[in-house]
């Protein structure tokens, strides 16, 4: 793994995330989600999930983070949920339902991660993880293991 190139990618996507064009910001959020485990990607990702100018950016970034189906992606979404206003919360909620309403195993794994994250010491992660867990618990996935 080339950490220098990964860092450069995060820097470039972070700059794109500051564009005046919502499409650039949405693309930046989608791209940055691939680097959610990197510390330097966390602030730009959180800013894009909570984009003040366009909820398309919120929706696209949140969905990309959730599609990782890992702790890094769920942590950013939980952190955003903890401070999101109603409009952002609605779009994040839609992304959660879209990502986790198909396979019960994916939803169940995410719920387990949220239970672990709810014990986090962060002011944002724990309450956001509890909100995320509640949303996940309300989803009735289409496909279950045989």
C-alpha atoms as a PDB file:
ATOM      1  CA  UNK A   1       0.000   0.000   0.000  1.00  0.00           C
ATOM      2  CA  UNK A   2       1.391   3.346  -1.029  1.00  0.00           C
ATOM      3  CA  UNK A   3       0.566   5.689   1.845  1.00  0.00           C
ATOM      4  CA  UNK A   4       1.938   8.751   0.033  1.00  0.00           C
ATOM      5  CA  UNK A   5      -0.423   8.263  -2.904  1.00  0.00           C
ATOM      6  CA  UNK A   6      -3.353   7.518  -0.591  1.00  0.00           C
ATOM      7  CA  UNK A   7      -2.628  10.716   1.341  1.00  0.00           C
ATOM      8  CA  UNK A   8      -2.412  12.674  -1.936  1.00  0.00           C
ATOM      9  CA  UNK A   9      -5.766  11.230  -3.018  1.00  0.00           C
ATOM     10  CA  UNK A  10      -7.394  12.273   0.259  1.00  0.00           C
ATOM     11  CA  UNK A  11      -5.940  15.785  -0.075  1.00  0.00           C
ATOM     12  CA  UNK A  12      -7.167  16.094  -3.679  1.00  0.00           C
ATOM     13  CA  UNK A  13     -10.640  14.782  -2.829  1.00  0.00           C
ATOM     14  CA  UNK A  14     -10.758  17.102   0.190  1.00  0.00           C
ATOM     15  CA  UNK A  15     -10.096  20.045  -2.125  1.00  0.00           C
ATOM     16  CA  UNK A  16     -12.786  18.838  -4.532  1.00  0.00           C
ATOM     17  CA  UNK A  17     -15.118  18.639  -1.536  1.00  0.00           C
ATOM     18  CA  UNK A  18     -14.765  22.400  -1.075  1.00  0.00           C
ATOM     19  CA  UNK A  19     -16.006  23.129  -4.602  1.00  0.00           C
ATOM     20  CA  UNK A  20     -18.945  25.456  -5.158  1.00  0.00           C
ATOM     21  CA  UNK A  21     -20.524  22.839  -7.432  1.00  0.00           C
ATOM     22  CA  UNK A  22     -22.631  20.277  -5.562  1.00  0.00           C
ATOM     23  CA  UNK A  23     -21.702  17.582  -8.105  1.00  0.00           C
ATOM     24  CA  UNK A  24     -18.023  18.001  -7.284  1.00  0.00           C
ATOM     25  CA  UNK A  25     -18.758  17.781  -3.573  1.00  0.00           C
ATOM     26  CA  UNK A  26     -20.913  14.653  -4.059  1.00  0.00           C
ATOM     27  CA  UNK A  27     -18.154  13.007  -6.099  1.00  0.00           C
ATOM     28  CA  UNK A  28     -15.622  13.962  -3.446  1.00  0.00           C
ATOM     29  CA  UNK A  29     -17.769  12.391  -0.723  1.00  0.00           C
ATOM     30  CA  UNK A  30     -18.206   9.224  -2.738  1.00  0.00           C
ATOM     31  CA  UNK A  31     -14.477   9.014  -3.400  1.00  0.00           C
ATOM     32  CA  UNK A  32     -13.393   9.927   0.121  1.00  0.00           C
ATOM     33  CA  UNK A  33     -15.554   7.152   1.559  1.00  0.00           C
ATOM     34  CA  UNK A  34     -12.971   4.692   0.242  1.00  0.00           C
ATOM     35  CA  UNK A  35     -10.454   6.309   2.592  1.00  0.00           C
ATOM     36  CA  UNK A  36     -12.675   6.545   5.692  1.00  0.00           C
ATOM     37  CA  UNK A  37     -10.156   4.618   7.781  1.00  0.00           C
ATOM     38  CA  UNK A  38      -7.595   7.413   7.288  1.00  0.00           C
ATOM     39  CA  UNK A  39      -7.584  10.067   9.993  1.00  0.00           C
ATOM     40  CA  UNK A  40      -7.154  12.914   7.494  1.00  0.00           C
ATOM     41  CA  UNK A  41     -10.354  11.902   5.659  1.00  0.00           C
ATOM     42  CA  UNK A  42     -12.631  12.101   8.712  1.00  0.00           C
ATOM     43  CA  UNK A  43     -13.215  15.858   8.897  1.00  0.00           C
ATOM     44  CA  UNK A  44     -13.893  16.317   5.161  1.00  0.00           C
ATOM     45  CA  UNK A  45     -16.219  13.291   5.184  1.00  0.00           C
ATOM     46  CA  UNK A  46     -18.185  14.607   8.139  1.00  0.00           C
ATOM     47  CA  UNK A  47     -18.456  18.024   6.482  1.00  0.00           C
ATOM     48  CA  UNK A  48     -19.750  16.411   3.278  1.00  0.00           C
ATOM     49  CA  UNK A  49     -22.318  14.249   5.080  1.00  0.00           C
ATOM     50  CA  UNK A  50     -23.549  17.452   6.715  1.00  0.00           C
ATOM     51  CA  UNK A  51     -23.212  19.585   3.544  1.00  0.00           C
ATOM     52  CA  UNK A  52     -25.040  22.834   4.295  1.00  0.00           C
ATOM     53  CA  UNK A  53     -25.943  23.612   0.686  1.00  0.00           C
ATOM     54  CA  UNK A  54     -27.211  20.417  -0.939  1.00  0.00           C
ATOM     55  CA  UNK A  55     -28.647  17.240   0.520  1.00  0.00           C
ATOM     56  CA  UNK A  56     -27.629  15.290  -2.595  1.00  0.00           C
ATOM     57  CA  UNK A  57     -24.089  15.566  -1.236  1.00  0.00           C
ATOM     58  CA  UNK A  58     -25.324  14.294   2.127  1.00  0.00           C
ATOM     59  CA  UNK A  59     -27.130  11.354   0.556  1.00  0.00           C
ATOM     60  CA  UNK A  60     -24.324  10.296  -1.798  1.00  0.00           C
ATOM     61  CA  UNK A  61     -21.597  10.547   0.845  1.00  0.00           C
ATOM     62  CA  UNK A  62     -23.624   8.746   3.518  1.00  0.00           C
ATOM     63  CA  UNK A  63     -24.516   5.937   1.128  1.00  0.00           C
ATOM     64  CA  UNK A  64     -20.894   5.467   0.058  1.00  0.00           C
ATOM     65  CA  UNK A  65     -19.796   5.314   3.694  1.00  0.00           C
ATOM     66  CA  UNK A  66     -22.522   2.831   4.591  1.00  0.00           C
ATOM     67  CA  UNK A  67     -21.729   0.603   1.602  1.00  0.00           C
ATOM     68  CA  UNK A  68     -18.313  -0.017   3.178  1.00  0.00           C
ATOM     69  CA  UNK A  69     -20.253  -1.956   5.827  1.00  0.00           C
ATOM     70  CA  UNK A  70     -17.435  -1.496   8.299  1.00  0.00           C
ATOM     71  CA  UNK A  71     -16.692   0.373  11.493  1.00  0.00           C
ATOM     72  CA  UNK A  72     -14.916   3.253   9.735  1.00  0.00           C
ATOM     73  CA  UNK A  73     -17.887   4.084   7.515  1.00  0.00           C
ATOM     74  CA  UNK A  74     -20.465   3.568  10.246  1.00  0.00           C
ATOM     75  CA  UNK A  75     -18.482   5.773  12.634  1.00  0.00           C
ATOM     76  CA  UNK A  76     -18.593   8.772  10.291  1.00  0.00           C
ATOM     77  CA  UNK A  77     -22.318   8.295   9.670  1.00  0.00           C
ATOM     78  CA  UNK A  78     -23.005   7.905  13.399  1.00  0.00           C
ATOM     79  CA  UNK A  79     -20.981  11.042  14.156  1.00  0.00           C
ATOM     80  CA  UNK A  80     -23.016  12.952  11.589  1.00  0.00           C
ATOM     81  CA  UNK A  81     -26.335  11.610  12.892  1.00  0.00           C
ATOM     82  CA  UNK A  82     -25.496  12.827  16.380  1.00  0.00           C
ATOM     83  CA  UNK A  83     -25.423  16.465  15.246  1.00  0.00           C
ATOM     84  CA  UNK A  84     -27.557  16.436  12.085  1.00  0.00           C
ATOM     85  CA  UNK A  85     -30.572  18.654  11.657  1.00  0.00           C
ATOM     86  CA  UNK A  86     -33.876  17.061  10.650  1.00  0.00           C
ATOM     87  CA  UNK A  87     -33.361  17.477   6.903  1.00  0.00           C
ATOM     88  CA  UNK A  88     -29.917  15.880   6.955  1.00  0.00           C
ATOM     89  CA  UNK A  89     -31.179  13.133   9.271  1.00  0.00           C
ATOM     90  CA  UNK A  90     -33.916  12.287   6.774  1.00  0.00           C
ATOM     91  CA  UNK A  91     -31.433  11.880   3.921  1.00  0.00           C
ATOM     92  CA  UNK A  92     -29.039   9.860   6.059  1.00  0.00           C
ATOM     93  CA  UNK A  93     -31.975   7.687   7.136  1.00  0.00           C
ATOM     94  CA  UNK A  94     -32.857   7.081   3.465  1.00  0.00           C
ATOM     95  CA  UNK A  95     -29.295   6.000   2.746  1.00  0.00           C
ATOM     96  CA  UNK A  96     -29.344   3.592   5.702  1.00  0.00           C
ATOM     97  CA  UNK A  97     -32.576   1.996   4.521  1.00  0.00           C
ATOM     98  CA  UNK A  98     -31.334   1.683   0.943  1.00  0.00           C
ATOM     99  CA  UNK A  99     -28.059   0.053   1.955  1.00  0.00           C
ATOM    100  CA  UNK A 100     -29.304  -2.295   4.670  1.00  0.00           C
ATOM    101  CA  UNK A 101     -32.779  -3.334   3.533  1.00  0.00           C
ATOM    102  CA  UNK A 102     -31.691  -6.183   1.255  1.00  0.00           C
ATOM    103  CA  UNK A 103     -29.536  -8.656   3.229  1.00  0.00           C
ATOM    104  CA  UNK A 104     -30.311  -9.399   6.868  1.00  0.00           C
ATOM    105  CA  UNK A 105     -26.715 -10.461   7.507  1.00  0.00           C
ATOM    106  CA  UNK A 106     -25.445  -7.009   6.481  1.00  0.00           C
ATOM    107  CA  UNK A 107     -28.029  -5.299   8.670  1.00  0.00           C
ATOM    108  CA  UNK A 108     -27.267  -7.591  11.626  1.00  0.00           C
ATOM    109  CA  UNK A 109     -23.504  -7.036  11.297  1.00  0.00           C
ATOM    110  CA  UNK A 110     -24.068  -3.273  11.242  1.00  0.00           C
ATOM    111  CA  UNK A 111     -26.245  -3.512  14.337  1.00  0.00           C
ATOM    112  CA  UNK A 112     -23.492  -5.402  16.181  1.00  0.00           C
ATOM    113  CA  UNK A 113     -20.960  -2.736  15.228  1.00  0.00           C
ATOM    114  CA  UNK A 114     -23.357  -0.034  16.428  1.00  0.00           C
ATOM    115  CA  UNK A 115     -23.727  -1.809  19.777  1.00  0.00           C
ATOM    116  CA  UNK A 116     -19.928  -1.735  20.150  1.00  0.00           C
ATOM    117  CA  UNK A 117     -19.739   1.878  19.008  1.00  0.00           C
ATOM    118  CA  UNK A 118     -22.430   2.910  21.491  1.00  0.00           C
ATOM    119  CA  UNK A 119     -19.839   2.333  24.232  1.00  0.00           C
ATOM    120  CA  UNK A 120     -17.375   4.719  22.548  1.00  0.00           C
ATOM    121  CA  UNK A 121     -16.172   7.630  24.659  1.00  0.00           C
ATOM    122  CA  UNK A 122     -16.691  10.186  21.882  1.00  0.00           C
ATOM    123  CA  UNK A 123     -19.400  12.796  22.398  1.00  0.00           C
ATOM    124  CA  UNK A 124     -20.687  12.122  18.889  1.00  0.00           C
ATOM    125  CA  UNK A 125     -20.009   8.471  18.126  1.00  0.00           C
ATOM    126  CA  UNK A 126     -21.901   6.870  21.015  1.00  0.00           C
ATOM    127  CA  UNK A 127     -25.168   8.813  20.695  1.00  0.00           C
ATOM    128  CA  UNK A 128     -25.021   8.607  16.897  1.00  0.00           C
ATOM    129  CA  UNK A 129     -24.402   4.855  17.071  1.00  0.00           C
ATOM    130  CA  UNK A 130     -27.489   4.471  19.245  1.00  0.00           C
ATOM    131  CA  UNK A 131     -29.542   6.423  16.678  1.00  0.00           C
ATOM    132  CA  UNK A 132     -28.108   4.356  13.850  1.00  0.00           C
ATOM    133  CA  UNK A 133     -28.863   1.125  15.723  1.00  0.00           C
ATOM    134  CA  UNK A 134     -32.466   2.227  16.221  1.00  0.00           C
ATOM    135  CA  UNK A 135     -32.893   2.924  12.496  1.00  0.00           C
ATOM    136  CA  UNK A 136     -31.315  -0.411  11.586  1.00  0.00           C
ATOM    137  CA  UNK A 137     -33.600  -2.251  14.034  1.00  0.00           C
ATOM    138  CA  UNK A 138     -36.638  -0.870  12.215  1.00  0.00           C
ATOM    139  CA  UNK A 139     -35.514  -2.307   8.866  1.00  0.00           C
ATOM    140  CA  UNK A 140     -37.027  -5.627   7.776  1.00  0.00           C
ATOM    141  CA  UNK A 141     -34.530  -6.910   5.189  1.00  0.00           C
ATOM    142  CA  UNK A 142     -35.804  -8.727   2.114  1.00  0.00           C
ATOM    143  CA  UNK A 143     -33.324 -11.618   2.089  1.00  0.00           C
ATOM    144  CA  UNK A 144     -32.482 -13.836   5.049  1.00  0.00           C
ATOM    145  CA  UNK A 145     -30.172 -16.862   5.282  1.00  0.00           C
ATOM    146  CA  UNK A 146     -31.799 -20.214   4.662  1.00  0.00           C
END
